[in-house]
């Protein structure tokens, strides 16, 4: 059940001290680790709430939400009396870049940590923010983990959006994916060679655009490519190949920015018998690579989150095996719902099945104490008054989850 937090004023006072201690660690560690250090400095790491906060921050890294499809959007409500964290696993492809957007409504912010190796516990990006937009890209395929976690005793509503974008710009002005009509690996010259790029068809003299910032390394006329332009993307970066141009507009050694015109579409070289098009290629130190996913446009317009967002932040009763238990709806996304128990332990589902089922359990209450959990050793949170009406909301084993006046909790029954 939702853990009741006592001595809130005491904790709030200590949290003021945390701000002072954080200043001492900000230059030595990440914002997240600096906050943990501040909890240690004032002794909050040994309290029940502090332990849960720290443990949940680690737990979500090994149990991230894997229901993430691009473009992704999630609305999250962290409740101050439930020390929660949430995390997401992202399968990153080196041909793309990721756009992250965070928008929060709170007097505080949220810790954002992005890992490419959770076992090291060292985040590549670590910030404490309210609102931000940032991009991530790498030269390798990676399994990323993004963690979001607010400070203790903070109500925080935040919206997370993640979009997958092509790493490079589209090389033809006003071009679209449908204009790509010949692909990597297609047979050429009767099987003598394979196509080392993609062909993008458009009208003659349509501008060909630089796909990124870089330097023009070659401007040539060749038998195969006709009028060609080579562009180098940074020291040690790949070379971009624009071929079959009708004309070239750049010179060797010239610096160009993304979107600059390097030439115009044509059908020079061995493309004289075909319609005007751009042959586009990418070459690394290991040779040519398939360029399609580097320029292929993705849908970046985020859809609506699931209708279950109306339950965001609420406590609901959920049928779970042979029990009906209270859960807190932490977040709702375009793909799934995340809910947790009173200790912030999370589960992910595509839908809320078994929501608020009818309770037909007939039992007699045999105890006078309302407990925080369905366990004999659980801490009492209130007294049960046999003279007052109560409502059975759920059950687990020999315990009922009840509400009586403004109290909720578990009580022993037979």
Protein backbone atom coordinates (compact mmCIF):
# COMPACT_ATOMS: atom_id res chain seq x y z
CA UNK A 1 0.00 0.00 0.00
CA UNK A 2 0.97 3.62 -0.10
CA UNK A 3 3.53 4.10 2.66
CA UNK A 4 2.48 6.81 5.12
CA UNK A 5 5.25 9.31 5.73
CA UNK A 6 5.56 10.59 9.28
CA UNK A 7 7.51 13.54 10.63
CA UNK A 8 7.23 15.39 7.34
CA UNK A 9 8.23 18.69 8.93
CA UNK A 10 11.36 17.06 10.31
CA UNK A 11 12.32 15.74 6.89
CA UNK A 12 11.52 19.08 5.27
CA UNK A 13 13.87 20.84 7.67
CA UNK A 14 16.63 18.39 6.86
CA UNK A 15 16.00 18.89 3.14
CA UNK A 16 16.81 22.59 3.60
CA UNK A 17 20.18 21.54 4.99
CA UNK A 18 20.68 19.30 1.96
CA UNK A 19 20.92 22.37 -0.25
CA UNK A 20 23.88 23.59 1.83
CA UNK A 21 25.73 20.29 1.73
CA UNK A 22 25.09 19.86 -2.01
CA UNK A 23 27.16 22.99 -2.68
CA UNK A 24 30.18 21.21 -1.25
CA UNK A 25 29.92 18.27 -3.64
CA UNK A 26 28.68 19.82 -6.87
CA UNK A 27 32.16 20.09 -8.37
CA UNK A 28 33.21 16.60 -7.29
CA UNK A 29 30.34 14.48 -8.56
CA UNK A 30 27.22 14.41 -10.68
CA UNK A 31 24.13 16.26 -9.41
CA UNK A 32 22.55 12.89 -8.56
CA UNK A 33 25.55 11.63 -6.59
CA UNK A 34 25.90 15.04 -4.98
CA UNK A 35 22.34 14.75 -3.69
CA UNK A 36 23.00 11.27 -2.29
CA UNK A 37 26.09 12.66 -0.55
CA UNK A 38 23.94 15.39 0.98
CA UNK A 39 21.46 12.76 2.25
CA UNK A 40 24.38 10.98 3.91
CA UNK A 41 25.65 14.21 5.45
CA UNK A 42 22.36 14.83 7.29
CA UNK A 43 21.64 11.17 8.07
CA UNK A 44 18.63 10.78 5.75
CA UNK A 45 20.24 7.82 3.97
CA UNK A 46 19.57 5.64 7.04
CA UNK A 47 15.88 6.54 7.35
CA UNK A 48 13.20 4.32 5.82
CA UNK A 49 12.34 6.92 3.21
CA UNK A 50 15.98 7.66 2.38
CA UNK A 51 16.78 3.98 1.95
CA UNK A 52 13.80 3.50 -0.35
CA UNK A 53 14.76 6.54 -2.44
CA UNK A 54 18.35 5.34 -2.91
CA UNK A 55 17.37 1.70 -3.53
CA UNK A 56 14.68 2.63 -6.06
CA UNK A 57 17.16 4.76 -7.97
CA UNK A 58 19.32 1.65 -8.38
CA UNK A 59 16.45 -0.79 -8.86
CA UNK A 60 14.96 0.99 -11.88
CA UNK A 61 18.29 0.75 -13.71
CA UNK A 62 17.95 -3.05 -13.73
CA UNK A 63 14.19 -2.93 -14.34
CA UNK A 64 13.66 -0.20 -16.96
CA UNK A 65 10.55 0.31 -19.04
CA UNK A 66 11.26 -1.40 -22.36
CA UNK A 67 7.93 -0.43 -23.99
CA UNK A 68 9.42 2.54 -25.78
CA UNK A 69 8.59 3.11 -29.44
CA UNK A 70 9.41 6.32 -31.30
CA UNK A 71 8.10 8.95 -31.15
CA UNK A 72 7.49 8.40 -27.42
CA UNK A 73 5.61 10.54 -24.91
CA UNK A 74 4.92 9.91 -21.24
CA UNK A 75 3.21 11.93 -18.53
CA UNK A 76 4.61 11.26 -15.05
CA UNK A 77 3.41 12.28 -11.60
CA UNK A 78 5.84 11.72 -8.75
CA UNK A 79 4.05 11.93 -5.39
CA UNK A 80 5.90 13.36 -2.42
CA UNK A 81 4.98 10.52 -0.05
CA UNK A 82 6.17 7.79 -2.46
CA UNK A 83 9.93 8.04 -3.19
CA UNK A 84 9.79 6.80 -6.79
CA UNK A 85 12.09 6.72 -9.79
CA UNK A 86 11.49 5.63 -13.35
CA UNK A 87 13.80 4.45 -16.12
CA UNK A 88 13.62 3.62 -19.82
CA UNK A 89 15.66 1.29 -22.02
CA UNK A 90 16.44 2.72 -25.45
CA UNK A 91 17.96 0.65 -28.25
CA UNK A 92 20.04 3.30 -30.00
CA UNK A 93 21.21 2.93 -33.62
CA UNK A 94 24.35 4.76 -34.75
CA UNK A 95 22.60 6.04 -37.89
CA UNK A 96 20.25 8.16 -35.77
CA UNK A 97 20.21 10.88 -33.17
CA UNK A 98 17.79 11.10 -30.28
CA UNK A 99 15.93 14.20 -29.19
CA UNK A 100 14.91 14.33 -25.52
CA UNK A 101 12.45 16.91 -24.19
CA UNK A 102 11.51 17.38 -20.53
CA UNK A 103 8.81 19.78 -19.36
CA UNK A 104 8.00 19.91 -15.64
CA UNK A 105 5.54 21.65 -13.37
CA UNK A 106 7.05 21.94 -9.92
CA UNK A 107 8.93 24.30 -7.65
CA UNK A 108 11.74 21.76 -7.85
CA UNK A 109 13.27 19.79 -10.71
CA UNK A 110 14.13 16.23 -11.62
CA UNK A 111 17.40 14.32 -11.79
CA UNK A 112 18.06 13.17 -15.36
CA UNK A 113 20.78 10.57 -15.91
CA UNK A 114 21.58 8.87 -19.22
CA UNK A 115 23.71 5.69 -19.16
CA UNK A 116 25.25 3.54 -21.88
CA UNK A 117 26.55 1.11 -19.26
CA UNK A 118 24.41 0.87 -16.13
CA UNK A 119 26.84 -1.56 -14.51
CA UNK A 120 29.37 1.26 -14.16
CA UNK A 121 26.78 3.50 -12.44
CA UNK A 122 28.45 6.41 -14.27
CA UNK A 123 26.06 8.50 -16.35
CA UNK A 124 27.21 10.06 -19.62
CA UNK A 125 24.75 12.90 -19.05
CA UNK A 126 23.71 13.92 -15.55
CA UNK A 127 21.57 16.99 -14.85
CA UNK A 128 19.09 18.39 -12.37
CA UNK A 129 16.56 20.25 -14.50
CA UNK A 130 12.95 21.39 -14.79
CA UNK A 131 12.77 21.92 -18.54
CA UNK A 132 15.27 20.94 -21.19
CA UNK A 133 15.78 19.72 -24.73
CA UNK A 134 18.95 17.89 -25.68
CA UNK A 135 20.24 15.59 -28.41
CA UNK A 136 22.28 12.42 -28.21
CA UNK A 137 24.26 10.64 -30.90
CA UNK A 138 27.09 8.14 -31.01
CA UNK A 139 29.23 6.30 -33.55
CA UNK A 140 28.12 2.95 -32.12
CA UNK A 141 24.90 1.03 -31.58
CA UNK A 142 24.16 1.18 -27.86
CA UNK A 143 21.65 0.13 -25.24
CA UNK A 144 20.89 3.32 -23.34
CA UNK A 145 19.10 3.73 -20.02
CA UNK A 146 17.45 7.01 -19.06
CA UNK A 147 16.55 7.56 -15.38
CA UNK A 148 14.28 10.26 -13.97
CA UNK A 149 13.96 10.81 -10.22
CA UNK A 150 12.87 13.84 -8.16
CA UNK A 151 14.22 14.84 -4.78
CA UNK A 152 12.60 13.58 -1.59
CA UNK A 153 9.26 15.07 -0.50
CA UNK A 154 8.50 16.69 -3.85
CA UNK A 155 5.32 16.54 -5.92
CA UNK A 156 6.44 16.65 -9.54
CA UNK A 157 4.45 16.47 -12.77
CA UNK A 158 6.63 16.10 -15.85
CA UNK A 159 6.26 15.23 -19.52
CA UNK A 160 8.98 13.23 -21.27
CA UNK A 161 9.22 13.08 -25.06
CA UNK A 162 11.80 11.08 -27.03
CA UNK A 163 12.05 11.26 -30.81
CA UNK A 164 14.37 9.34 -33.14
CA UNK A 165 15.77 11.48 -35.95
CA UNK A 166 18.15 10.74 -38.85
CA UNK A 167 21.73 11.65 -37.97
CA UNK A 168 22.16 13.48 -41.28
CA UNK A 169 19.92 15.92 -43.13
CA UNK A 170 18.14 14.84 -46.31
CA UNK A 171 20.50 15.66 -49.22
CA UNK A 172 17.89 16.89 -51.73
CA UNK A 173 15.96 20.13 -51.28
CA UNK A 174 12.31 19.41 -50.44
CA UNK A 175 13.02 15.72 -50.99
CA UNK A 176 11.03 12.93 -49.34
CA UNK A 177 11.59 9.26 -48.50
CA UNK A 178 9.47 8.23 -51.49
CA UNK A 179 12.08 9.78 -53.81
CA UNK A 180 14.57 7.06 -52.82
CA UNK A 181 14.05 4.41 -55.50
CA UNK A 182 17.29 2.47 -55.70
CA UNK A 183 18.87 0.99 -52.62
CA UNK A 184 22.08 -0.35 -51.11
CA UNK A 185 23.24 -3.70 -52.47
CA UNK A 186 21.27 -3.65 -55.73
CA UNK A 187 23.08 -5.41 -58.55
CA UNK A 188 24.96 -3.24 -61.06
CA UNK A 189 26.64 -3.94 -64.42
CA UNK A 190 25.11 -7.39 -64.74
CA UNK A 191 26.20 -8.47 -61.29
CA UNK A 192 29.77 -7.21 -61.60
CA UNK A 193 29.30 -4.92 -58.61
CA UNK A 194 26.76 -3.91 -55.99
CA UNK A 195 25.21 -0.50 -55.46
CA UNK A 196 27.15 1.29 -52.71
CA UNK A 197 24.56 3.90 -51.84
CA UNK A 198 21.02 5.05 -52.57
CA UNK A 199 19.58 6.93 -55.55
CA UNK A 200 17.27 9.87 -54.87
CA UNK A 201 15.24 10.93 -57.91
CA UNK A 202 14.05 14.47 -58.55
CA UNK A 203 13.90 17.10 -61.27
CA UNK A 204 17.09 18.14 -63.02
CA UNK A 205 18.86 21.03 -61.28
CA UNK A 206 17.11 20.43 -57.95
CA UNK A 207 19.60 21.65 -55.30
CA UNK A 208 21.74 19.01 -53.59
CA UNK A 209 22.37 19.98 -49.96
CA UNK A 210 25.20 19.28 -47.54
CA UNK A 211 23.93 16.74 -45.01
CA UNK A 212 26.09 18.13 -42.19
CA UNK A 213 28.84 20.63 -41.49
CA UNK A 214 32.15 19.67 -43.07
CA UNK A 215 34.85 20.38 -45.63
CA UNK A 216 34.84 19.70 -49.37
CA UNK A 217 37.68 17.24 -50.01
CA UNK A 218 37.23 16.47 -53.71
CA UNK A 219 35.42 17.98 -56.72
CA UNK A 220 35.83 15.66 -59.72
CA UNK A 221 34.49 14.31 -62.99
CA UNK A 222 34.69 10.50 -63.12
CA UNK A 223 33.53 7.74 -65.44
CA UNK A 224 31.03 6.21 -63.00
CA UNK A 225 29.87 9.16 -60.93
CA UNK A 226 30.15 11.89 -63.54
CA UNK A 227 30.33 15.21 -61.76
CA UNK A 228 30.91 14.35 -58.09
CA UNK A 229 31.55 16.11 -54.79
CA UNK A 230 33.20 14.55 -51.74
CA UNK A 231 32.66 16.06 -48.29
CA UNK A 232 34.62 15.15 -45.14
CA UNK A 233 32.71 15.27 -41.85
CA UNK A 234 35.29 16.23 -39.24
CA UNK A 235 38.62 14.71 -38.30
CA UNK A 236 38.30 10.93 -38.55
CA UNK A 237 34.67 11.23 -39.62
CA UNK A 238 33.05 9.64 -42.68
CA UNK A 239 33.19 10.96 -46.23
CA UNK A 240 29.97 11.88 -48.02
CA UNK A 241 29.70 11.18 -51.75
CA UNK A 242 27.34 13.14 -54.02
CA UNK A 243 27.33 11.83 -57.61
CA UNK A 244 25.70 12.27 -61.06
CA UNK A 245 25.47 16.03 -60.50
CA UNK A 246 24.49 18.29 -63.37
CA UNK A 247 26.84 20.92 -61.95
CA UNK A 248 29.04 21.45 -58.90
CA UNK A 249 28.87 24.60 -56.78
CA UNK A 250 31.77 24.14 -54.34
CA UNK A 251 35.56 24.04 -54.37
CA UNK A 252 38.17 21.81 -52.73
CA UNK A 253 38.92 22.95 -49.17
CA UNK A 254 35.70 24.92 -48.85
CA UNK A 255 33.88 24.71 -45.52
CA UNK A 256 30.15 24.08 -45.82
CA UNK A 257 27.34 24.04 -43.30
CA UNK A 258 24.39 21.69 -43.18
CA UNK A 259 21.90 22.79 -45.82
CA UNK A 260 24.39 24.58 -48.07
CA UNK A 261 24.02 23.83 -51.79
CA UNK A 262 26.93 21.70 -53.08
CA UNK A 263 25.55 21.07 -56.57
CA UNK A 264 22.48 20.25 -58.62
CA UNK A 265 20.81 16.97 -59.58
CA UNK A 266 21.64 15.54 -63.00
CA UNK A 267 22.47 12.25 -64.70
CA UNK A 268 26.16 12.57 -65.58
CA UNK A 269 28.62 9.67 -65.65
CA UNK A 270 27.15 6.21 -66.14
CA UNK A 271 23.64 7.53 -65.38
CA UNK A 272 23.14 9.14 -68.81
CA UNK A 273 20.37 6.68 -69.70
CA UNK A 274 18.44 7.14 -66.44
CA UNK A 275 16.27 9.93 -65.10
CA UNK A 276 18.03 12.71 -63.15
CA UNK A 277 18.91 11.62 -59.65
CA UNK A 278 21.46 11.95 -56.87
CA UNK A 279 23.61 8.97 -55.99
CA UNK A 280 24.29 9.40 -52.28
CA UNK A 281 26.93 7.41 -50.42
CA UNK A 282 28.75 7.29 -47.08
CA UNK A 283 32.31 5.97 -46.76
CA UNK A 284 34.13 5.19 -43.53
CA UNK A 285 37.64 3.88 -42.91
CA UNK A 286 36.15 0.41 -43.30
CA UNK A 287 34.56 1.18 -46.67
CA UNK A 288 31.08 2.04 -47.87
CA UNK A 289 28.09 1.67 -45.53
CA UNK A 290 24.36 1.67 -46.19
CA UNK A 291 23.34 5.35 -45.95
CA UNK A 292 19.56 4.87 -45.92
CA UNK A 293 18.90 5.11 -42.18
CA UNK A 294 21.26 8.09 -41.86
CA UNK A 295 18.93 10.25 -43.98
CA UNK A 296 15.54 8.48 -43.79
CA UNK A 297 13.00 10.84 -42.28
CA UNK A 298 11.14 9.60 -39.17
CA UNK A 299 7.79 10.61 -37.76
CA UNK A 300 8.59 13.02 -34.93
CA UNK A 301 5.01 14.05 -34.16
CA UNK A 302 4.09 12.44 -30.84
CA UNK A 303 0.66 10.87 -30.54
CA UNK A 304 -1.68 11.03 -27.59
CA UNK A 305 -0.92 9.10 -24.44
CA UNK A 306 -3.27 6.31 -23.45
CA UNK A 307 -6.70 7.28 -22.12
CA UNK A 308 -5.65 5.84 -18.75
CA UNK A 309 -3.85 9.15 -18.18
CA UNK A 310 -7.02 10.20 -16.34
CA UNK A 311 -5.86 7.95 -13.49
CA UNK A 312 -2.40 9.55 -13.28
CA UNK A 313 -1.34 10.01 -9.65
CA UNK A 314 -4.32 8.13 -8.25
CA UNK A 315 -4.44 5.09 -6.01
CA UNK A 316 -6.39 2.30 -7.71
CA UNK A 317 -7.23 -1.26 -6.76
CA UNK A 318 -5.81 -3.85 -9.12
CA UNK A 319 -6.45 -7.59 -9.31
CA UNK A 320 -3.07 -9.30 -8.99
CA UNK A 321 -3.07 -13.12 -8.96
CA UNK A 322 -5.13 -14.09 -5.87
CA UNK A 323 -5.11 -10.60 -4.40
CA UNK A 324 -6.60 -7.17 -4.97
CA UNK A 325 -3.99 -4.59 -4.03
CA UNK A 326 -3.63 -0.79 -4.07
CA UNK A 327 -1.28 0.67 -6.67
CA UNK A 328 -0.26 4.20 -7.55
CA UNK A 329 -0.35 5.18 -11.23
CA UNK A 330 3.07 6.79 -11.70
CA UNK A 331 3.02 7.39 -15.45
CA UNK A 332 1.05 6.87 -18.64
CA UNK A 333 2.66 6.90 -22.09
CA UNK A 334 1.79 6.33 -25.72
CA UNK A 335 2.69 2.66 -25.16
CA UNK A 336 2.13 1.60 -21.56
CA UNK A 337 1.11 2.36 -17.99
CA UNK A 338 3.56 2.33 -15.08
CA UNK A 339 2.32 1.72 -11.57
CA UNK A 340 3.98 1.03 -8.26
CA UNK A 341 3.31 0.04 -4.70
CA UNK A 342 3.89 2.18 -1.64
CA UNK A 343 7.63 1.57 -1.79
CA UNK A 344 7.83 2.75 -5.39
CA UNK A 345 8.53 -0.70 -6.88
CA UNK A 346 7.35 -0.47 -10.48
CA UNK A 347 5.49 -2.63 -12.96
CA UNK A 348 4.75 -1.89 -16.61
CA UNK A 349 1.60 -2.94 -18.46
CA UNK A 350 0.03 -2.14 -21.82
CA UNK A 351 -3.36 -1.69 -20.18
CA UNK A 352 -4.97 -1.59 -16.74
CA UNK A 353 -6.61 -4.99 -16.63
CA UNK A 354 -8.52 -5.91 -13.49
CA UNK A 355 -9.01 -2.32 -12.45
CA UNK A 356 -11.15 -1.68 -9.33
CA UNK A 357 -12.78 -5.14 -9.29
CA UNK A 358 -15.82 -5.88 -7.15
CA UNK A 359 -14.96 -7.33 -3.75
CA UNK A 360 -17.17 -10.20 -2.58
CA UNK A 361 -14.89 -11.47 0.16
CA UNK A 362 -16.83 -12.18 3.38
CA UNK A 363 -14.57 -12.15 6.42
CA UNK A 364 -14.54 -10.99 10.02
CA UNK A 365 -11.99 -8.46 11.20
CA UNK A 366 -10.08 -9.85 14.19
CA UNK A 367 -7.60 -7.06 14.94
CA UNK A 368 -7.81 -3.50 16.19
CA UNK A 369 -4.82 -2.11 14.33
CA UNK A 370 -4.62 -0.91 10.74
CA UNK A 371 -1.22 -1.79 9.26
CA UNK A 372 0.88 -0.31 6.47
CA UNK A 373 1.33 -3.70 4.73
CA UNK A 374 -0.40 -7.13 4.65
CA UNK A 375 2.12 -8.65 7.07
CA UNK A 376 1.93 -9.58 10.75
CA UNK A 377 5.12 -7.63 11.42
CA UNK A 378 4.01 -4.50 9.54
CA UNK A 379 3.97 -1.13 11.30
CA UNK A 380 0.55 0.03 12.59
CA UNK A 381 -0.67 3.32 11.11
CA UNK A 382 -4.05 3.76 12.85
CA UNK A 383 -6.62 2.20 15.18
CA UNK A 384 -9.64 0.38 13.76
CA UNK A 385 -12.95 1.53 15.27
CA UNK A 386 -15.44 -1.35 15.35
CA UNK A 387 -18.32 1.06 15.89
CA UNK A 388 -17.74 2.93 12.63
CA UNK A 389 -18.57 1.84 9.11
CA UNK A 390 -15.73 0.77 6.85
CA UNK A 391 -15.30 -0.33 3.25
CA UNK A 392 -13.31 -3.31 1.97
CA UNK A 393 -11.24 -2.17 -1.01
CA UNK A 394 -8.94 -5.17 -1.48
CA UNK A 395 -7.35 -8.20 0.08
CA UNK A 396 -4.16 -10.25 0.22
CA UNK A 397 -3.91 -13.54 2.09
CA UNK A 398 -5.48 -13.14 5.55
CA UNK A 399 -5.57 -9.36 5.31
CA UNK A 400 -8.16 -6.89 4.07
CA UNK A 401 -7.36 -3.48 2.64
CA UNK A 402 -9.97 -1.14 4.09
CA UNK A 403 -10.94 2.50 4.30
CA UNK A 404 -12.52 3.97 7.43
CA UNK A 405 -13.17 7.71 7.57
CA UNK A 406 -9.87 9.24 6.37
CA UNK A 407 -7.79 6.14 7.11
CA UNK A 408 -6.65 3.38 4.72
CA UNK A 409 -4.62 0.29 5.43
CA UNK A 410 -4.43 -3.44 5.99
CA UNK A 411 -6.09 -5.34 8.82
CA UNK A 412 -6.11 -9.01 9.84
CA UNK A 413 -9.32 -10.91 9.13
CA UNK A 414 -10.62 -14.49 9.08
